[in-house]
């Protein structure tokens, strides 16, 4: 049996029977929060010029009900993101 945050509770493929549920934990609120974060991160990556066509962003809920985001990138895209983050960090240091 999968736990929350494994493939049973990941947005598009939500399978309520594939996870262990704990009474009183609001998994849906965490998942909704993570869904919003997925949209924001996807938008930010696109705005930064990152090619996300082969990437996967998924909302998940952790076992405590908190939201989480799974980001899956190819090695080439991960290097591109790292390069862009380093470049922005260098610019911020120069300004600050």
N, C-alpha and C. Protein backbone atom coordinates (compact mmCIF):
# COMPACT_ATOMS: atom_id res chain seq x y z
N UNK A 1 0.84 -1.19 0.00
CA UNK A 1 0.00 0.00 0.00
C UNK A 1 0.88 1.24 0.00
N UNK A 2 0.52 2.21 -0.79
CA UNK A 2 1.27 3.46 -0.86
C UNK A 2 0.88 4.37 0.29
N UNK A 3 1.77 5.27 0.64
CA UNK A 3 1.46 6.31 1.61
C UNK A 3 1.06 7.57 0.88
N UNK A 4 0.56 8.54 1.61
CA UNK A 4 0.23 9.82 1.02
C UNK A 4 1.51 10.42 0.45
N UNK A 5 1.41 10.97 -0.74
CA UNK A 5 2.59 11.54 -1.38
C UNK A 5 3.21 10.58 -2.37
N UNK A 6 2.81 9.31 -2.33
CA UNK A 6 3.25 8.39 -3.36
C UNK A 6 2.26 8.49 -4.51
N UNK A 7 2.35 7.63 -5.49
CA UNK A 7 1.58 7.82 -6.70
C UNK A 7 0.07 7.73 -6.52
N UNK A 8 -0.43 7.39 -5.35
CA UNK A 8 -1.86 7.32 -5.16
C UNK A 8 -2.54 8.67 -4.98
N UNK A 9 -1.79 9.72 -4.69
CA UNK A 9 -2.39 11.01 -4.38
C UNK A 9 -1.60 12.11 -5.06
N UNK A 10 -1.62 12.11 -6.39
CA UNK A 10 -0.76 13.04 -7.10
C UNK A 10 -1.48 13.80 -8.21
N UNK A 11 -2.62 14.35 -7.90
CA UNK A 11 -3.27 15.23 -8.86
C UNK A 11 -4.06 14.51 -9.91
N UNK A 12 -3.55 14.44 -11.12
CA UNK A 12 -4.27 13.87 -12.25
C UNK A 12 -4.68 12.43 -12.00
N UNK A 13 -3.83 11.66 -11.35
CA UNK A 13 -4.08 10.24 -11.16
C UNK A 13 -4.56 9.91 -9.76
N UNK A 14 -5.32 10.82 -9.15
CA UNK A 14 -5.79 10.62 -7.78
C UNK A 14 -6.53 9.29 -7.66
N UNK A 15 -6.04 8.43 -6.78
CA UNK A 15 -6.68 7.15 -6.50
C UNK A 15 -6.87 7.05 -4.99
N UNK A 16 -8.05 7.41 -4.49
CA UNK A 16 -8.28 7.42 -3.04
C UNK A 16 -8.07 6.07 -2.37
N UNK A 17 -8.18 4.98 -3.12
CA UNK A 17 -8.00 3.66 -2.53
C UNK A 17 -6.55 3.21 -2.49
N UNK A 18 -5.63 4.00 -3.07
CA UNK A 18 -4.23 3.61 -3.13
C UNK A 18 -3.41 4.18 -1.98
N UNK A 19 -4.05 4.87 -1.05
CA UNK A 19 -3.31 5.52 0.03
C UNK A 19 -3.88 5.13 1.38
N UNK A 20 -3.08 5.34 2.40
CA UNK A 20 -3.51 5.10 3.77
C UNK A 20 -4.03 6.42 4.33
N UNK A 21 -5.29 6.44 4.74
CA UNK A 21 -5.91 7.67 5.24
C UNK A 21 -5.91 7.66 6.76
N UNK A 22 -5.64 8.81 7.35
CA UNK A 22 -5.67 8.97 8.81
C UNK A 22 -6.85 9.87 9.16
N UNK A 23 -7.71 9.39 10.02
CA UNK A 23 -8.89 10.15 10.41
C UNK A 23 -8.48 11.51 10.97
N UNK A 24 -9.18 12.56 10.52
CA UNK A 24 -8.96 13.90 11.04
C UNK A 24 -7.90 14.71 10.30
N UNK A 25 -7.19 14.10 9.36
CA UNK A 25 -6.17 14.84 8.61
C UNK A 25 -6.80 15.37 7.33
N UNK A 26 -6.66 16.67 7.11
CA UNK A 26 -7.25 17.32 5.93
C UNK A 26 -6.26 17.27 4.77
N UNK A 27 -6.24 16.15 4.07
CA UNK A 27 -5.32 15.98 2.94
C UNK A 27 -5.71 16.87 1.76
N UNK A 28 -6.99 17.08 1.59
CA UNK A 28 -7.45 17.85 0.44
C UNK A 28 -6.96 19.30 0.49
N UNK A 29 -6.95 19.91 1.68
CA UNK A 29 -6.47 21.29 1.80
C UNK A 29 -4.99 21.39 1.40
N UNK A 30 -4.18 20.44 1.86
CA UNK A 30 -2.77 20.42 1.49
C UNK A 30 -2.58 20.22 0.00
N UNK A 31 -3.37 19.33 -0.58
CA UNK A 31 -3.28 19.07 -2.01
C UNK A 31 -3.70 20.31 -2.81
N UNK A 32 -4.76 20.99 -2.37
CA UNK A 32 -5.18 22.23 -3.05
C UNK A 32 -4.08 23.28 -2.99
N UNK A 33 -3.46 23.44 -1.83
CA UNK A 33 -2.36 24.40 -1.69
C UNK A 33 -1.22 24.03 -2.64
N UNK A 34 -0.89 22.76 -2.69
CA UNK A 34 0.18 22.30 -3.57
C UNK A 34 -0.19 22.51 -5.04
N UNK A 35 -1.46 22.35 -5.38
CA UNK A 35 -1.90 22.57 -6.76
C UNK A 35 -1.67 24.02 -7.17
N UNK A 36 -1.94 24.94 -6.25
CA UNK A 36 -1.68 26.36 -6.53
C UNK A 36 -0.18 26.61 -6.67
N UNK A 37 0.62 25.98 -5.82
CA UNK A 37 2.07 26.13 -5.89
C UNK A 37 2.61 25.57 -7.21
N UNK A 38 2.05 24.46 -7.67
CA UNK A 38 2.45 23.88 -8.96
C UNK A 38 2.21 24.88 -10.08
N UNK A 39 1.05 25.51 -10.08
CA UNK A 39 0.73 26.50 -11.12
C UNK A 39 1.70 27.68 -11.06
N UNK A 40 2.00 28.15 -9.86
CA UNK A 40 2.92 29.28 -9.71
C UNK A 40 4.33 28.91 -10.15
N UNK A 41 4.81 27.74 -9.76
CA UNK A 41 6.15 27.32 -10.14
C UNK A 41 6.24 27.08 -11.64
N UNK A 42 5.22 26.46 -12.21
CA UNK A 42 5.21 26.24 -13.65
C UNK A 42 5.24 27.55 -14.42
N UNK A 43 4.46 28.51 -13.95
CA UNK A 43 4.45 29.84 -14.58
C UNK A 43 5.82 30.51 -14.45
N UNK A 44 6.43 30.42 -13.28
CA UNK A 44 7.74 31.05 -13.06
C UNK A 44 8.80 30.41 -13.95
N UNK A 45 8.78 29.09 -14.08
CA UNK A 45 9.75 28.41 -14.94
C UNK A 45 9.57 28.83 -16.40
N UNK A 46 8.33 28.91 -16.84
CA UNK A 46 8.05 29.33 -18.22
C UNK A 46 8.49 30.77 -18.44
N UNK A 47 8.18 31.65 -17.49
CA UNK A 47 8.56 33.05 -17.59
C UNK A 47 10.08 33.20 -17.65
N UNK A 48 10.79 32.32 -16.94
CA UNK A 48 12.26 32.36 -16.93
C UNK A 48 12.86 31.76 -18.20
N UNK A 49 12.02 31.25 -19.08
CA UNK A 49 12.51 30.71 -20.34
C UNK A 49 12.92 29.25 -20.28
N UNK A 50 12.52 28.55 -19.22
CA UNK A 50 12.86 27.14 -19.09
C UNK A 50 11.89 26.31 -19.92
N UNK A 51 12.43 25.40 -20.73
CA UNK A 51 11.60 24.52 -21.54
C UNK A 51 11.04 23.42 -20.64
N UNK A 52 9.75 23.49 -20.35
CA UNK A 52 9.12 22.55 -19.43
C UNK A 52 8.30 21.47 -20.15
N UNK A 53 8.46 21.36 -21.46
CA UNK A 53 7.64 20.41 -22.21
C UNK A 53 7.86 18.96 -21.77
N UNK A 54 9.06 18.62 -21.35
CA UNK A 54 9.35 17.26 -20.92
C UNK A 54 9.39 17.12 -19.40
N UNK A 55 9.02 18.18 -18.68
CA UNK A 55 9.07 18.18 -17.22
C UNK A 55 7.73 17.76 -16.64
N UNK A 56 7.77 17.32 -15.39
CA UNK A 56 6.54 16.95 -14.68
C UNK A 56 6.49 17.71 -13.37
N UNK A 57 5.39 18.38 -13.15
CA UNK A 57 5.11 19.06 -11.88
C UNK A 57 3.82 18.46 -11.35
N UNK A 58 3.86 17.95 -10.11
CA UNK A 58 2.66 17.33 -9.55
C UNK A 58 2.44 17.77 -8.12
N UNK A 59 1.17 18.01 -7.80
CA UNK A 59 0.78 18.33 -6.43
C UNK A 59 0.62 17.02 -5.66
N UNK A 60 1.09 17.02 -4.41
CA UNK A 60 0.94 15.86 -3.54
C UNK A 60 0.51 16.33 -2.15
N UNK A 61 0.05 15.41 -1.36
CA UNK A 61 -0.24 15.69 0.05
C UNK A 61 0.61 14.74 0.88
N UNK A 62 1.30 15.27 1.86
CA UNK A 62 2.15 14.47 2.75
C UNK A 62 1.28 13.75 3.78
N UNK A 63 1.88 12.84 4.51
CA UNK A 63 1.13 12.06 5.48
C UNK A 63 0.51 12.91 6.58
N UNK A 64 1.06 14.12 6.82
CA UNK A 64 0.50 15.01 7.83
C UNK A 64 -0.54 15.96 7.24
N UNK A 65 -0.82 15.83 5.96
CA UNK A 65 -1.82 16.67 5.30
C UNK A 65 -1.24 17.90 4.63
N UNK A 66 0.03 18.19 4.84
CA UNK A 66 0.62 19.36 4.20
C UNK A 66 0.82 19.10 2.71
N UNK A 67 0.78 20.18 1.96
CA UNK A 67 0.96 20.06 0.52
C UNK A 67 2.42 19.97 0.15
N UNK A 68 2.68 19.36 -0.98
CA UNK A 68 4.04 19.26 -1.49
C UNK A 68 4.00 19.28 -3.01
N UNK A 69 5.16 19.50 -3.60
CA UNK A 69 5.27 19.56 -5.06
C UNK A 69 6.37 18.63 -5.50
N UNK A 70 6.07 17.81 -6.47
CA UNK A 70 7.09 16.96 -7.08
C UNK A 70 7.46 17.56 -8.42
N UNK A 71 8.76 17.76 -8.61
CA UNK A 71 9.29 18.33 -9.84
C UNK A 71 10.23 17.31 -10.45
N UNK A 72 9.94 16.91 -11.67
CA UNK A 72 10.78 15.95 -12.37
C UNK A 72 11.28 16.59 -13.64
N UNK A 73 12.61 16.68 -13.76
CA UNK A 73 13.25 17.33 -14.91
C UNK A 73 14.26 16.39 -15.53
N UNK A 74 14.50 16.58 -16.81
CA UNK A 74 15.61 15.87 -17.43
C UNK A 74 16.90 16.48 -16.89
N UNK A 75 18.00 15.78 -17.04
CA UNK A 75 19.28 16.29 -16.56
C UNK A 75 19.62 17.61 -17.26
N UNK A 76 19.34 17.70 -18.54
CA UNK A 76 19.65 18.92 -19.30
C UNK A 76 18.84 20.11 -18.78
N UNK A 77 17.57 19.91 -18.51
CA UNK A 77 16.73 21.00 -18.01
C UNK A 77 17.15 21.37 -16.59
N UNK A 78 17.51 20.39 -15.76
CA UNK A 78 17.97 20.68 -14.40
C UNK A 78 19.23 21.54 -14.45
N UNK A 79 20.14 21.24 -15.38
CA UNK A 79 21.35 22.07 -15.53
C UNK A 79 20.99 23.47 -15.97
N UNK A 80 20.02 23.59 -16.88
CA UNK A 80 19.57 24.90 -17.35
C UNK A 80 18.99 25.72 -16.19
N UNK A 81 18.15 25.10 -15.38
CA UNK A 81 17.56 25.79 -14.23
C UNK A 81 18.67 26.21 -13.26
N UNK A 82 19.62 25.31 -12.98
CA UNK A 82 20.72 25.64 -12.07
C UNK A 82 21.52 26.83 -12.59
N UNK A 83 21.79 26.86 -13.89
CA UNK A 83 22.54 27.96 -14.48
C UNK A 83 21.78 29.27 -14.33
N UNK A 84 20.46 29.25 -14.59
CA UNK A 84 19.65 30.45 -14.48
C UNK A 84 19.56 30.95 -13.04
N UNK A 85 19.44 30.04 -12.08
CA UNK A 85 19.37 30.43 -10.67
C UNK A 85 20.70 31.05 -10.24
N UNK A 86 21.81 30.44 -10.65
CA UNK A 86 23.13 31.00 -10.30
C UNK A 86 23.31 32.39 -10.89
N UNK A 87 22.89 32.57 -12.14
CA UNK A 87 23.02 33.88 -12.79
C UNK A 87 22.20 34.94 -12.05
N UNK A 88 20.98 34.59 -11.65
CA UNK A 88 20.14 35.54 -10.91
C UNK A 88 20.72 35.82 -9.53
N UNK A 89 21.26 34.80 -8.89
CA UNK A 89 21.87 34.99 -7.57
C UNK A 89 23.05 35.95 -7.67
N UNK A 90 23.86 35.80 -8.70
CA UNK A 90 24.99 36.71 -8.90
C UNK A 90 24.51 38.14 -9.11
N UNK A 91 23.43 38.31 -9.87
CA UNK A 91 22.88 39.65 -10.10
C UNK A 91 22.37 40.25 -8.79
N UNK A 92 21.68 39.46 -7.97
CA UNK A 92 21.15 39.96 -6.71
C UNK A 92 22.28 40.38 -5.77
N UNK A 93 23.37 39.61 -5.77
CA UNK A 93 24.51 39.95 -4.91
C UNK A 93 25.12 41.28 -5.32
N UNK A 94 25.19 41.51 -6.64
CA UNK A 94 25.77 42.75 -7.13
C UNK A 94 24.91 43.96 -6.75
N UNK A 95 23.60 43.77 -6.76
CA UNK A 95 22.68 44.86 -6.41
C UNK A 95 22.70 45.11 -4.91
N UNK A 96 22.69 44.03 -4.12
CA UNK A 96 22.58 44.14 -2.67
C UNK A 96 23.87 44.42 -2.05
